[in-house]
PDB file of N, CA and C in Angstrom:
ATOM      1  N   UNK A   1       1.171  -4.033 -10.536  1.00  0.00           N
ATOM      2  CA  UNK A   1       0.561  -3.223  -9.496  1.00  0.00           C
ATOM      3  C   UNK A   1       1.460  -3.202  -8.257  1.00  0.00           C
ATOM      4  N   UNK A   2       2.039  -4.325  -7.936  1.00  0.00           N
ATOM      5  CA  UNK A   2       2.908  -4.440  -6.769  1.00  0.00           C
ATOM      6  C   UNK A   2       4.112  -3.505  -6.875  1.00  0.00           C
ATOM      7  N   UNK A   3       4.741  -3.474  -8.035  1.00  0.00           N
ATOM      8  CA  UNK A   3       5.935  -2.650  -8.224  1.00  0.00           C
ATOM      9  C   UNK A   3       5.605  -1.161  -8.143  1.00  0.00           C
ATOM     10  N   UNK A   4       4.467  -0.761  -8.709  1.00  0.00           N
ATOM     11  CA  UNK A   4       4.060   0.646  -8.670  1.00  0.00           C
ATOM     12  C   UNK A   4       3.780   1.075  -7.234  1.00  0.00           C
ATOM     13  N   UNK A   5       3.057   0.239  -6.487  1.00  0.00           N
ATOM     14  CA  UNK A   5       2.755   0.552  -5.100  1.00  0.00           C
ATOM     15  C   UNK A   5       4.040   0.669  -4.278  1.00  0.00           C
ATOM     16  N   UNK A   6       4.959  -0.246  -4.483  1.00  0.00           N
ATOM     17  CA  UNK A   6       6.232  -0.214  -3.749  1.00  0.00           C
ATOM     18  C   UNK A   6       7.009   1.060  -4.061  1.00  0.00           C
ATOM     19  N   UNK A   7       7.032   1.453  -5.318  1.00  0.00           N
ATOM     20  CA  UNK A   7       7.737   2.670  -5.740  1.00  0.00           C
ATOM     21  C   UNK A   7       7.136   3.906  -5.073  1.00  0.00           C
ATOM     22  N   UNK A   8       5.807   3.997  -5.051  1.00  0.00           N
ATOM     23  CA  UNK A   8       5.136   5.150  -4.455  1.00  0.00           C
ATOM     24  C   UNK A   8       5.374   5.199  -2.952  1.00  0.00           C
ATOM     25  N   UNK A   9       5.211   4.068  -2.279  1.00  0.00           N
ATOM     26  CA  UNK A   9       5.372   4.031  -0.822  1.00  0.00           C
ATOM     27  C   UNK A   9       6.806   4.371  -0.422  1.00  0.00           C
ATOM     28  N   UNK A  10       7.785   3.919  -1.190  1.00  0.00           N
ATOM     29  CA  UNK A  10       9.179   4.238  -0.881  1.00  0.00           C
ATOM     30  C   UNK A  10       9.435   5.740  -0.940  1.00  0.00           C
ATOM     31  N   UNK A  11       8.674   6.451  -1.765  1.00  0.00           N
ATOM     32  CA  UNK A  11       8.801   7.908  -1.846  1.00  0.00           C
ATOM     33  C   UNK A  11       8.142   8.642  -0.694  1.00  0.00           C
ATOM     34  N   UNK A  12       7.264   7.965   0.034  1.00  0.00           N
ATOM     35  CA  UNK A  12       6.525   8.587   1.132  1.00  0.00           C
ATOM     36  C   UNK A  12       7.237   8.426   2.471  1.00  0.00           C
ATOM     37  N   UNK A  13       7.851   7.285   2.692  1.00  0.00           N
ATOM     38  CA  UNK A  13       8.361   6.922   4.020  1.00  0.00           C
ATOM     39  C   UNK A  13       9.765   7.444   4.300  1.00  0.00           C
ATOM     40  N   UNK A  14      10.149   7.420   5.573  1.00  0.00           N
ATOM     41  CA  UNK A  14      11.494   7.846   5.994  1.00  0.00           C
ATOM     42  C   UNK A  14      12.520   6.730   5.859  1.00  0.00           C
ATOM     43  N   UNK A  15      12.043   5.472   5.857  1.00  0.00           N
ATOM     44  CA  UNK A  15      12.931   4.311   5.758  1.00  0.00           C
ATOM     45  C   UNK A  15      12.553   3.475   4.530  1.00  0.00           C
ATOM     46  N   UNK A  16      12.881   3.937   3.326  1.00  0.00           N
ATOM     47  CA  UNK A  16      12.473   3.213   2.111  1.00  0.00           C
ATOM     48  C   UNK A  16      13.109   1.837   1.972  1.00  0.00           C
ATOM     49  N   UNK A  17      14.237   1.632   2.641  1.00  0.00           N
ATOM     50  CA  UNK A  17      14.902   0.328   2.543  1.00  0.00           C
ATOM     51  C   UNK A  17      14.107  -0.774   3.245  1.00  0.00           C
ATOM     52  N   UNK A  18      13.179  -0.400   4.121  1.00  0.00           N
ATOM     53  CA  UNK A  18      12.376  -1.381   4.854  1.00  0.00           C
ATOM     54  C   UNK A  18      11.053  -1.718   4.170  1.00  0.00           C
ATOM     55  N   UNK A  19      10.742  -1.065   3.065  1.00  0.00           N
ATOM     56  CA  UNK A  19       9.453  -1.265   2.400  1.00  0.00           C
ATOM     57  C   UNK A  19       9.458  -2.564   1.594  1.00  0.00           C
ATOM     58  N   UNK A  20       8.446  -3.390   1.852  1.00  0.00           N
ATOM     59  CA  UNK A  20       8.235  -4.625   1.096  1.00  0.00           C
ATOM     60  C   UNK A  20       6.737  -4.724   0.824  1.00  0.00           C
ATOM     61  N   UNK A  21       6.373  -5.049  -0.411  1.00  0.00           N
ATOM     62  CA  UNK A  21       4.967  -5.250  -0.756  1.00  0.00           C
ATOM     63  C   UNK A  21       4.780  -6.716  -1.116  1.00  0.00           C
ATOM     64  N   UNK A  22       3.831  -7.352  -0.442  1.00  0.00           N
ATOM     65  CA  UNK A  22       3.530  -8.765  -0.667  1.00  0.00           C
ATOM     66  C   UNK A  22       2.135  -8.847  -1.262  1.00  0.00           C
ATOM     67  N   UNK A  23       2.019  -9.590  -2.361  1.00  0.00           N
ATOM     68  CA  UNK A  23       0.741  -9.716  -3.060  1.00  0.00           C
ATOM     69  C   UNK A  23       0.267 -11.163  -3.008  1.00  0.00           C
ATOM     70  N   UNK A  24      -0.998 -11.361  -2.624  1.00  0.00           N
ATOM     71  CA  UNK A  24      -1.561 -12.708  -2.612  1.00  0.00           C
ATOM     72  C   UNK A  24      -3.078 -12.632  -2.767  1.00  0.00           C
ATOM     73  N   UNK A  25      -3.693 -13.762  -3.048  1.00  0.00           N
ATOM     74  CA  UNK A  25      -5.135 -13.828  -3.252  1.00  0.00           C
ATOM     75  C   UNK A  25      -5.828 -14.404  -2.026  1.00  0.00           C
ATOM     76  N   UNK A  26      -6.991 -13.830  -1.718  1.00  0.00           N
ATOM     77  CA  UNK A  26      -7.868 -14.336  -0.673  1.00  0.00           C
ATOM     78  C   UNK A  26      -9.255 -14.521  -1.273  1.00  0.00           C
ATOM     79  N   UNK A  27     -10.180 -14.992  -0.471  1.00  0.00           N
ATOM     80  CA  UNK A  27     -11.544 -15.241  -0.937  1.00  0.00           C
ATOM     81  C   UNK A  27     -12.187 -13.962  -1.483  1.00  0.00           C
ATOM     82  N   UNK A  28     -11.950 -12.837  -0.819  1.00  0.00           N
ATOM     83  CA  UNK A  28     -12.569 -11.564  -1.213  1.00  0.00           C
ATOM     84  C   UNK A  28     -11.840 -10.854  -2.344  1.00  0.00           C
ATOM     85  N   UNK A  29     -10.757 -11.411  -2.837  1.00  0.00           N
ATOM     86  CA  UNK A  29      -9.990 -10.782  -3.909  1.00  0.00           C
ATOM     87  C   UNK A  29      -8.515 -10.687  -3.567  1.00  0.00           C
ATOM     88  N   UNK A  30      -7.822  -9.857  -4.313  1.00  0.00           N
ATOM     89  CA  UNK A  30      -6.381  -9.693  -4.161  1.00  0.00           C
ATOM     90  C   UNK A  30      -6.067  -8.839  -2.929  1.00  0.00           C
ATOM     91  N   UNK A  31      -4.977  -9.176  -2.249  1.00  0.00           N
ATOM     92  CA  UNK A  31      -4.524  -8.430  -1.075  1.00  0.00           C
ATOM     93  C   UNK A  31      -3.093  -7.976  -1.328  1.00  0.00           C
ATOM     94  N   UNK A  32      -2.838  -6.712  -1.063  1.00  0.00           N
ATOM     95  CA  UNK A  32      -1.487  -6.163  -1.133  1.00  0.00           C
ATOM     96  C   UNK A  32      -1.107  -5.719   0.274  1.00  0.00           C
ATOM     97  N   UNK A  33      -0.148  -6.409   0.870  1.00  0.00           N
ATOM     98  CA  UNK A  33       0.333  -6.055   2.197  1.00  0.00           C
ATOM     99  C   UNK A  33       1.569  -5.183   2.058  1.00  0.00           C
ATOM    100  N   UNK A  34       1.529  -4.053   2.717  1.00  0.00           N
ATOM    101  CA  UNK A  34       2.654  -3.122   2.695  1.00  0.00           C
ATOM    102  C   UNK A  34       3.375  -3.249   4.029  1.00  0.00           C
ATOM    103  N   UNK A  35       4.584  -3.779   4.008  1.00  0.00           N
ATOM    104  CA  UNK A  35       5.390  -3.930   5.218  1.00  0.00           C
ATOM    105  C   UNK A  35       6.344  -2.744   5.285  1.00  0.00           C
ATOM    106  N   UNK A  36       6.238  -1.982   6.379  1.00  0.00           N
ATOM    107  CA  UNK A  36       7.079  -0.795   6.544  1.00  0.00           C
ATOM    108  C   UNK A  36       7.669  -0.766   7.947  1.00  0.00           C
ATOM    109  N   UNK A  37       8.644   0.094   8.129  1.00  0.00           N
ATOM    110  CA  UNK A  37       9.231   0.336   9.444  1.00  0.00           C
ATOM    111  C   UNK A  37       8.137   0.864  10.373  1.00  0.00           C
ATOM    112  N   UNK A  38       8.228   0.537  11.640  1.00  0.00           N
ATOM    113  CA  UNK A  38       7.212   0.939  12.615  1.00  0.00           C
ATOM    114  C   UNK A  38       7.007   2.454  12.642  1.00  0.00           C
ATOM    115  N   UNK A  39       8.065   3.215  12.423  1.00  0.00           N
ATOM    116  CA  UNK A  39       7.970   4.679  12.416  1.00  0.00           C
ATOM    117  C   UNK A  39       7.183   5.219  11.222  1.00  0.00           C
ATOM    118  N   UNK A  40       7.073   4.425  10.160  1.00  0.00           N
ATOM    119  CA  UNK A  40       6.456   4.889   8.926  1.00  0.00           C
ATOM    120  C   UNK A  40       4.989   4.492   8.758  1.00  0.00           C
ATOM    121  N   UNK A  41       4.442   3.742   9.694  1.00  0.00           N
ATOM    122  CA  UNK A  41       3.063   3.262   9.557  1.00  0.00           C
ATOM    123  C   UNK A  41       2.083   4.430   9.443  1.00  0.00           C
ATOM    124  N   UNK A  42       2.219   5.401  10.318  1.00  0.00           N
ATOM    125  CA  UNK A  42       1.335   6.569  10.291  1.00  0.00           C
ATOM    126  C   UNK A  42       1.464   7.368   9.005  1.00  0.00           C
ATOM    127  N   UNK A  43       2.652   7.423   8.482  1.00  0.00           N
ATOM    128  CA  UNK A  43       2.903   8.148   7.231  1.00  0.00           C
ATOM    129  C   UNK A  43       2.160   7.505   6.066  1.00  0.00           C
ATOM    130  N   UNK A  44       2.148   6.185   6.026  1.00  0.00           N
ATOM    131  CA  UNK A  44       1.499   5.462   4.925  1.00  0.00           C
ATOM    132  C   UNK A  44      -0.022   5.522   5.065  1.00  0.00           C
ATOM    133  N   UNK A  45      -0.524   5.419   6.283  1.00  0.00           N
ATOM    134  CA  UNK A  45      -1.972   5.466   6.493  1.00  0.00           C
ATOM    135  C   UNK A  45      -2.485   6.890   6.322  1.00  0.00           C
ATOM    136  N   UNK A  46      -1.795   7.849   6.881  1.00  0.00           N
ATOM    137  CA  UNK A  46      -2.190   9.243   6.743  1.00  0.00           C
ATOM    138  C   UNK A  46      -3.271   9.638   7.732  1.00  0.00           C
ATOM    139  N   UNK A  47      -3.532  10.916   7.801  1.00  0.00           N
ATOM    140  CA  UNK A  47      -4.546  11.442   8.707  1.00  0.00           C
ATOM    141  C   UNK A  47      -5.922  10.980   8.260  1.00  0.00           C
ATOM    142  N   UNK A  48      -6.631  10.312   9.152  1.00  0.00           N
ATOM    143  CA  UNK A  48      -7.958   9.745   8.857  1.00  0.00           C
ATOM    144  C   UNK A  48      -7.926   8.765   7.682  1.00  0.00           C
ATOM    145  N   UNK A  49      -6.760   8.173   7.404  1.00  0.00           N
ATOM    146  CA  UNK A  49      -6.654   7.195   6.333  1.00  0.00           C
ATOM    147  C   UNK A  49      -6.621   7.783   4.937  1.00  0.00           C
ATOM    148  N   UNK A  50      -6.371   9.064   4.841  1.00  0.00           N
ATOM    149  CA  UNK A  50      -6.407   9.727   3.528  1.00  0.00           C
ATOM    150  C   UNK A  50      -5.353   9.208   2.561  1.00  0.00           C
ATOM    151  N   UNK A  51      -4.149   8.971   3.048  1.00  0.00           N
ATOM    152  CA  UNK A  51      -3.073   8.529   2.156  1.00  0.00           C
ATOM    153  C   UNK A  51      -3.344   7.132   1.615  1.00  0.00           C
ATOM    154  N   UNK A  52      -3.732   6.207   2.474  1.00  0.00           N
ATOM    155  CA  UNK A  52      -3.975   4.835   2.021  1.00  0.00           C
ATOM    156  C   UNK A  52      -5.189   4.782   1.099  1.00  0.00           C
ATOM    157  N   UNK A  53      -6.203   5.604   1.375  1.00  0.00           N
ATOM    158  CA  UNK A  53      -7.376   5.670   0.488  1.00  0.00           C
ATOM    159  C   UNK A  53      -6.981   6.223  -0.874  1.00  0.00           C
ATOM    160  N   UNK A  54      -6.125   7.239  -0.876  1.00  0.00           N
ATOM    161  CA  UNK A  54      -5.663   7.817  -2.142  1.00  0.00           C
ATOM    162  C   UNK A  54      -4.853   6.806  -2.947  1.00  0.00           C
ATOM    163  N   UNK A  55      -4.034   6.011  -2.260  1.00  0.00           N
ATOM    164  CA  UNK A  55      -3.273   4.962  -2.948  1.00  0.00           C
ATOM    165  C   UNK A  55      -4.215   3.950  -3.591  1.00  0.00           C
ATOM    166  N   UNK A  56      -5.279   3.592  -2.882  1.00  0.00           N
ATOM    167  CA  UNK A  56      -6.241   2.630  -3.419  1.00  0.00           C
ATOM    168  C   UNK A  56      -6.960   3.196  -4.646  1.00  0.00           C
ATOM    169  N   UNK A  57      -7.351   4.461  -4.587  1.00  0.00           N
ATOM    170  CA  UNK A  57      -8.014   5.103  -5.731  1.00  0.00           C
ATOM    171  C   UNK A  57      -7.066   5.162  -6.926  1.00  0.00           C
ATOM    172  N   UNK A  58      -5.827   5.534  -6.680  1.00  0.00           N
ATOM    173  CA  UNK A  58      -4.830   5.622  -7.748  1.00  0.00           C
ATOM    174  C   UNK A  58      -4.603   4.266  -8.408  1.00  0.00           C
ATOM    175  N   UNK A  59      -4.395   3.233  -7.605  1.00  0.00           N
ATOM    176  CA  UNK A  59      -4.172   1.890  -8.151  1.00  0.00           C
ATOM    177  C   UNK A  59      -5.406   1.369  -8.876  1.00  0.00           C
ATOM    178  N   UNK A  60      -6.585   1.675  -8.355  1.00  0.00           N
ATOM    179  CA  UNK A  60      -7.830   1.245  -9.010  1.00  0.00           C
ATOM    180  C   UNK A  60      -7.948   1.847 -10.398  1.00  0.00           C
ATOM    181  N   UNK A  61      -7.615   3.122 -10.509  1.00  0.00           N
ATOM    182  CA  UNK A  61      -7.743   3.773 -11.805  1.00  0.00           C
ATOM    183  C   UNK A  61      -6.628   3.371 -12.775  1.00  0.00           C
ATOM    184  N   UNK A  62      -5.423   3.157 -12.271  1.00  0.00           N
ATOM    185  CA  UNK A  62      -4.314   2.759 -13.141  1.00  0.00           C
ATOM    186  C   UNK A  62      -4.486   1.351 -13.709  1.00  0.00           C
ATOM    187  N   UNK A  63      -4.964   0.435 -12.884  1.00  0.00           N
ATOM    188  CA  UNK A  63      -5.002  -0.970 -13.274  1.00  0.00           C
ATOM    189  C   UNK A  63      -6.409  -1.505 -13.499  1.00  0.00           C
ATOM    190  N   UNK A  64      -7.419  -0.637 -13.378  1.00  0.00           N
ATOM    191  CA  UNK A  64      -8.809  -1.011 -13.625  1.00  0.00           C
ATOM    192  C   UNK A  64      -9.212  -2.249 -12.821  1.00  0.00           C
ATOM    193  N   UNK A  65      -8.808  -2.267 -11.551  1.00  0.00           N
ATOM    194  CA  UNK A  65      -9.113  -3.362 -10.635  1.00  0.00           C
ATOM    195  C   UNK A  65      -9.778  -2.755  -9.403  1.00  0.00           C
ATOM    196  N   UNK A  66     -10.877  -3.359  -8.951  1.00  0.00           N
ATOM    197  CA  UNK A  66     -11.555  -2.819  -7.782  1.00  0.00           C
ATOM    198  C   UNK A  66     -11.584  -3.789  -6.609  1.00  0.00           C
ATOM    199  N   UNK A  67     -11.395  -5.060  -6.868  1.00  0.00           N
ATOM    200  CA  UNK A  67     -11.481  -6.073  -5.801  1.00  0.00           C
ATOM    201  C   UNK A  67     -10.117  -6.353  -5.196  1.00  0.00           C
ATOM    202  N   UNK A  68      -9.575  -5.375  -4.467  1.00  0.00           N
ATOM    203  CA  UNK A  68      -8.318  -5.622  -3.768  1.00  0.00           C
ATOM    204  C   UNK A  68      -8.311  -4.847  -2.458  1.00  0.00           C
ATOM    205  N   UNK A  69      -7.474  -5.301  -1.547  1.00  0.00           N
ATOM    206  CA  UNK A  69      -7.360  -4.712  -0.221  1.00  0.00           C
ATOM    207  C   UNK A  69      -5.917  -4.305   0.016  1.00  0.00           C
ATOM    208  N   UNK A  70      -5.734  -3.149   0.611  1.00  0.00           N
ATOM    209  CA  UNK A  70      -4.405  -2.700   1.019  1.00  0.00           C
ATOM    210  C   UNK A  70      -4.299  -2.845   2.537  1.00  0.00           C
ATOM    211  N   UNK A  71      -3.230  -3.483   2.991  1.00  0.00           N
ATOM    212  CA  UNK A  71      -2.976  -3.628   4.426  1.00  0.00           C
ATOM    213  C   UNK A  71      -1.584  -3.099   4.729  1.00  0.00           C
ATOM    214  N   UNK A  72      -1.466  -2.388   5.841  1.00  0.00           N
ATOM    215  CA  UNK A  72      -0.166  -1.897   6.278  1.00  0.00           C
ATOM    216  C   UNK A  72       0.265  -2.725   7.482  1.00  0.00           C
ATOM    217  N   UNK A  73       1.472  -3.284   7.411  1.00  0.00           N
ATOM    218  CA  UNK A  73       1.989  -4.165   8.446  1.00  0.00           C
ATOM    219  C   UNK A  73       3.292  -3.591   8.981  1.00  0.00           C
ATOM    220  N   UNK A  74       3.447  -3.688  10.302  1.00  0.00           N
ATOM    221  CA  UNK A  74       4.699  -3.204  10.935  1.00  0.00           C
ATOM    222  C   UNK A  74       5.781  -4.222  10.810  1.00  0.00           C
TER     223      UNK A  74
END
């Protein structure tokens, strides 16, 4: 899941060399932190969060996992 998310995000942003995805577990489930260049944060989140929500729906359907959180970090 981490590699797929990283591949997709690198295609969206202006600075793909700065994209790093970190995966870890918390009490509420799995967390995927997307670290991007400061200029690319808005691009990944999208207008009204549409892009990040779409990424979550896509990953949920591809990997049949629902208990995970996506976070965007500068």
